[in-house]
């Protein structure tokens, strides 16, 4: 977890490789996350899902709008979309997506999906084709619960920095 890993790694790097820059990642979507990561010893942060949900992002607008309406509980780590996309990733390398209608339909029936994915793959492919994100995948992290708008990236960064500074972060 970020809360224990970042300080441990920061201490290790301070002793063994002080010139190495440490970036914290995972769930950082606002100034609070930025300030917390810096307080834990990170030199900076990697902002994923939150920057994905900006005007400049190349993600489909419908996917971004669906993310704004979701919450952290609206995501799941699962192999459903690996099967639907015909990706043979090892089980330990699943990833997080929004739990849309198609995901919910199959998440408790993974064995059935593996046995005969034909119909589900066709439904997924049609969703992708028409931009229907109740059937197409929306890959996003748990920080989705902190996504409430789709600003320009510059404004988002300015907002994160301002919020972090208001919490006492000076650099």
Protein backbone atom coordinates (compact mmCIF):
# COMPACT_ATOMS: atom_id res chain seq x y z
CA UNK A 1 0.00 0.00 0.00
CA UNK A 2 1.12 3.55 -0.69
CA UNK A 3 0.90 4.53 2.99
CA UNK A 4 3.62 2.07 4.02
CA UNK A 5 5.52 1.48 0.80
CA UNK A 6 6.39 5.09 -0.01
CA UNK A 7 7.98 5.92 3.38
CA UNK A 8 9.90 2.64 3.41
CA UNK A 9 11.20 3.21 -0.11
CA UNK A 10 11.95 6.88 0.62
CA UNK A 11 14.11 5.83 3.61
CA UNK A 12 15.86 3.19 1.52
CA UNK A 13 16.58 5.58 -1.35
CA UNK A 14 17.84 8.28 1.03
CA UNK A 15 20.48 5.82 2.24
CA UNK A 16 21.38 4.00 -0.94
CA UNK A 17 20.56 6.27 -3.88
CA UNK A 18 19.73 9.83 -2.79
CA UNK A 19 19.77 11.12 -6.38
CA UNK A 20 16.89 8.81 -7.34
CA UNK A 21 13.52 10.51 -7.65
CA UNK A 22 10.60 8.71 -5.99
CA UNK A 23 7.13 9.12 -7.47
CA UNK A 24 4.07 7.86 -5.62
CA UNK A 25 1.21 6.43 -7.66
CA UNK A 26 -2.17 4.91 -7.12
CA UNK A 27 -5.30 6.82 -6.23
CA UNK A 28 -3.78 10.29 -6.42
CA UNK A 29 -6.45 12.55 -7.86
CA UNK A 30 -6.46 15.79 -5.90
CA UNK A 31 -4.32 18.06 -3.74
CA UNK A 32 -4.91 15.92 -0.68
CA UNK A 33 -3.33 12.90 -2.39
CA UNK A 34 -0.45 15.04 -3.65
CA UNK A 35 0.17 16.50 -0.18
CA UNK A 36 -0.07 13.07 1.45
CA UNK A 37 2.40 11.52 -1.00
CA UNK A 38 4.87 14.34 -0.43
CA UNK A 39 4.48 14.00 3.35
CA UNK A 40 5.20 10.28 3.01
CA UNK A 41 8.51 11.09 1.34
CA UNK A 42 7.72 11.02 -2.38
CA UNK A 43 9.38 13.65 -4.56
CA UNK A 44 6.30 13.82 -6.74
CA UNK A 45 3.32 11.86 -7.96
CA UNK A 46 2.11 10.01 -11.01
CA UNK A 47 -1.50 11.02 -11.67
CA UNK A 48 -3.27 8.45 -13.82
CA UNK A 49 -7.05 8.22 -13.81
CA UNK A 50 -7.53 11.87 -12.86
CA UNK A 51 -5.54 13.14 -15.83
CA UNK A 52 -7.29 10.58 -18.03
CA UNK A 53 -10.50 12.46 -17.19
CA UNK A 54 -9.50 15.83 -18.65
CA UNK A 55 -10.37 17.68 -21.84
CA UNK A 56 -7.04 16.84 -23.47
CA UNK A 57 -7.31 13.12 -22.83
CA UNK A 58 -7.82 11.00 -25.92
CA UNK A 59 -10.21 8.71 -24.02
CA UNK A 60 -13.70 8.68 -25.51
CA UNK A 61 -15.94 11.40 -24.11
CA UNK A 62 -18.63 8.86 -23.20
CA UNK A 63 -16.16 6.84 -21.13
CA UNK A 64 -15.00 9.96 -19.29
CA UNK A 65 -18.58 11.03 -18.61
CA UNK A 66 -19.36 7.57 -17.24
CA UNK A 67 -16.36 7.87 -14.92
CA UNK A 68 -17.64 11.19 -13.55
CA UNK A 69 -20.88 9.44 -12.58
CA UNK A 70 -19.11 6.50 -10.91
CA UNK A 71 -17.40 5.95 -7.57
CA UNK A 72 -14.44 3.94 -6.33
CA UNK A 73 -16.92 1.18 -5.53
CA UNK A 74 -18.00 1.21 -9.16
CA UNK A 75 -14.76 -0.44 -10.24
CA UNK A 76 -13.44 -3.98 -10.06
CA UNK A 77 -10.24 -5.86 -10.74
CA UNK A 78 -11.21 -8.70 -12.97
CA UNK A 79 -10.34 -10.79 -15.99
CA UNK A 80 -13.73 -10.27 -17.66
CA UNK A 81 -12.44 -7.77 -20.20
CA UNK A 82 -9.26 -9.78 -20.81
CA UNK A 83 -11.47 -12.63 -22.00
CA UNK A 84 -13.68 -10.32 -24.05
CA UNK A 85 -10.67 -8.63 -25.66
CA UNK A 86 -8.96 -12.01 -26.21
CA UNK A 87 -5.94 -11.07 -24.08
CA UNK A 88 -4.19 -14.01 -22.42
CA UNK A 89 -2.79 -12.15 -19.42
CA UNK A 90 -1.76 -14.22 -16.40
CA UNK A 91 -4.45 -14.01 -13.68
CA UNK A 92 -2.19 -12.00 -11.36
CA UNK A 93 -2.08 -9.17 -13.93
CA UNK A 94 -5.74 -8.27 -14.10
CA UNK A 95 -6.63 -4.61 -14.05
CA UNK A 96 -9.33 -2.30 -12.83
CA UNK A 97 -12.29 -1.17 -14.92
CA UNK A 98 -15.70 0.30 -14.33
CA UNK A 99 -18.26 -2.35 -13.51
CA UNK A 100 -20.57 -1.69 -16.42
CA UNK A 101 -23.61 -3.78 -17.40
CA UNK A 102 -21.58 -6.28 -19.43
CA UNK A 103 -19.02 -6.73 -16.65
CA UNK A 104 -21.73 -7.28 -14.04
CA UNK A 105 -23.39 -9.83 -16.31
CA UNK A 106 -20.25 -12.00 -16.32
CA UNK A 107 -18.27 -11.23 -13.17
CA UNK A 108 -19.83 -14.08 -11.17
CA UNK A 109 -19.83 -16.43 -14.15
CA UNK A 110 -16.17 -16.38 -15.21
CA UNK A 111 -16.06 -20.13 -15.86
CA UNK A 112 -19.05 -19.86 -18.21
CA UNK A 113 -17.43 -16.91 -19.97
CA UNK A 114 -14.15 -18.80 -20.43
CA UNK A 115 -16.00 -21.87 -21.71
CA UNK A 116 -17.97 -19.98 -24.37
CA UNK A 117 -17.13 -16.30 -24.83
CA UNK A 118 -18.55 -15.99 -28.36
CA UNK A 119 -21.78 -14.12 -27.58
CA UNK A 120 -20.16 -11.91 -24.93
CA UNK A 121 -17.29 -11.02 -27.28
CA UNK A 122 -19.76 -10.01 -29.97
CA UNK A 123 -21.66 -7.86 -27.47
CA UNK A 124 -18.40 -6.26 -26.32
CA UNK A 125 -17.22 -5.63 -29.92
CA UNK A 126 -20.53 -3.97 -30.78
CA UNK A 127 -20.25 -1.78 -27.67
CA UNK A 128 -16.77 -0.67 -28.71
CA UNK A 129 -17.93 -0.01 -32.27
CA UNK A 130 -20.81 2.25 -31.24
CA UNK A 131 -19.20 3.80 -28.14
CA UNK A 132 -21.60 2.14 -25.68
CA UNK A 133 -19.67 2.05 -22.41
CA UNK A 134 -22.23 -0.17 -20.73
CA UNK A 135 -20.68 -2.83 -22.98
CA UNK A 136 -17.24 -1.45 -23.87
CA UNK A 137 -14.47 -1.34 -21.31
CA UNK A 138 -13.63 1.76 -19.29
CA UNK A 139 -10.22 1.20 -17.72
CA UNK A 140 -9.89 3.45 -14.69
CA UNK A 141 -8.60 3.22 -11.13
CA UNK A 142 -10.26 3.63 -7.75
CA UNK A 143 -9.48 7.35 -7.92
CA UNK A 144 -12.56 7.51 -10.13
CA UNK A 145 -14.46 8.28 -6.94
CA UNK A 146 -12.66 11.63 -6.82
CA UNK A 147 -13.43 12.54 -10.44
CA UNK A 148 -16.31 15.01 -10.47
CA UNK A 149 -15.61 17.01 -13.60
CA UNK A 150 -13.64 17.03 -16.85
CA UNK A 151 -11.44 20.14 -16.66
CA UNK A 152 -8.51 21.13 -18.84
CA UNK A 153 -5.37 19.39 -17.60
CA UNK A 154 -3.67 22.71 -16.79
CA UNK A 155 -6.58 23.77 -14.58
CA UNK A 156 -6.59 20.38 -12.84
CA UNK A 157 -2.87 20.62 -12.04
CA UNK A 158 -3.29 24.20 -10.79
CA UNK A 159 -6.20 23.09 -8.62
CA UNK A 160 -4.23 20.15 -7.19
CA UNK A 161 -1.24 22.38 -6.40
CA UNK A 162 -3.44 25.02 -4.79
CA UNK A 163 -5.22 22.47 -2.64
CA UNK A 164 -1.92 20.84 -1.60
CA UNK A 165 -0.51 24.25 -0.65
CA UNK A 166 -3.61 25.04 1.42
CA UNK A 167 -2.85 21.86 3.36
CA UNK A 168 0.64 23.05 4.19
CA UNK A 169 2.69 21.66 1.29
CA UNK A 170 5.21 24.33 0.38
CA UNK A 171 6.88 22.77 -2.67
